[in-house]
């Protein structure tokens, strides 16, 4: 799928720079998935909200 890495970039960046220093790589799959999803949707929502405010 083209653009797959670009779509998952916010979640992966949050895992690398926010969650990884806090937790080790030995955390469960579901915990890691929840943290990535949280980072993915929170970062995208904030960027979209700021972009919308700037355009208005």
Protein backbone atom coordinates (compact mmCIF):
# COMPACT_ATOMS: atom_id res chain seq x y z
CA UNK A 1 0.00 0.00 0.00
CA UNK A 2 1.52 3.28 -1.04
CA UNK A 3 1.75 5.90 1.69
CA UNK A 4 1.53 3.30 4.47
CA UNK A 5 4.66 4.56 6.24
CA UNK A 6 3.50 8.18 5.97
CA UNK A 7 0.12 7.37 7.49
CA UNK A 8 1.71 5.58 10.46
CA UNK A 9 4.46 8.17 11.00
CA UNK A 10 2.80 9.99 13.95
CA UNK A 11 2.21 6.75 15.84
CA UNK A 12 5.71 5.45 15.18
CA UNK A 13 7.32 8.75 16.19
CA UNK A 14 5.37 8.77 19.45
CA UNK A 15 6.51 5.21 20.15
CA UNK A 16 10.17 6.07 19.50
CA UNK A 17 10.46 9.41 21.28
CA UNK A 18 7.75 9.33 23.97
CA UNK A 19 6.86 5.77 24.97
CA UNK A 20 10.10 3.89 24.27
CA UNK A 21 12.21 5.78 26.84
CA UNK A 22 9.53 5.10 29.46
CA UNK A 23 8.95 1.41 28.71
CA UNK A 24 11.21 -1.38 27.53
CA UNK A 25 10.60 -3.35 24.35
CA UNK A 26 9.36 -6.29 26.41
CA UNK A 27 5.88 -4.83 26.87
CA UNK A 28 2.92 -6.80 25.56
CA UNK A 29 1.65 -6.42 22.01
CA UNK A 30 -1.72 -5.00 23.05
CA UNK A 31 -0.13 -2.39 25.29
CA UNK A 32 2.21 -1.29 22.52
CA UNK A 33 -0.69 -1.20 20.06
CA UNK A 34 -2.74 0.95 22.43
CA UNK A 35 0.15 3.38 22.94
CA UNK A 36 0.78 3.64 19.20
CA UNK A 37 -2.91 4.24 18.50
CA UNK A 38 -3.07 6.89 21.20
CA UNK A 39 -0.07 8.68 19.71
CA UNK A 40 -1.38 8.27 16.19
CA UNK A 41 -4.79 9.78 16.80
CA UNK A 42 -3.79 12.42 19.36
CA UNK A 43 -1.00 13.85 17.22
CA UNK A 44 -3.13 13.86 14.07
CA UNK A 45 -6.06 15.47 15.94
CA UNK A 46 -3.87 18.23 17.37
CA UNK A 47 -2.21 18.97 14.00
CA UNK A 48 -5.61 19.00 12.27
CA UNK A 49 -7.08 21.30 14.92
CA UNK A 50 -4.19 23.75 14.71
CA UNK A 51 -4.35 23.69 10.91
CA UNK A 52 -8.08 24.38 10.97
CA UNK A 53 -7.65 27.29 13.40
CA UNK A 54 -4.89 28.80 11.24
CA UNK A 55 -6.97 28.55 8.07
CA UNK A 56 -9.97 30.24 9.71
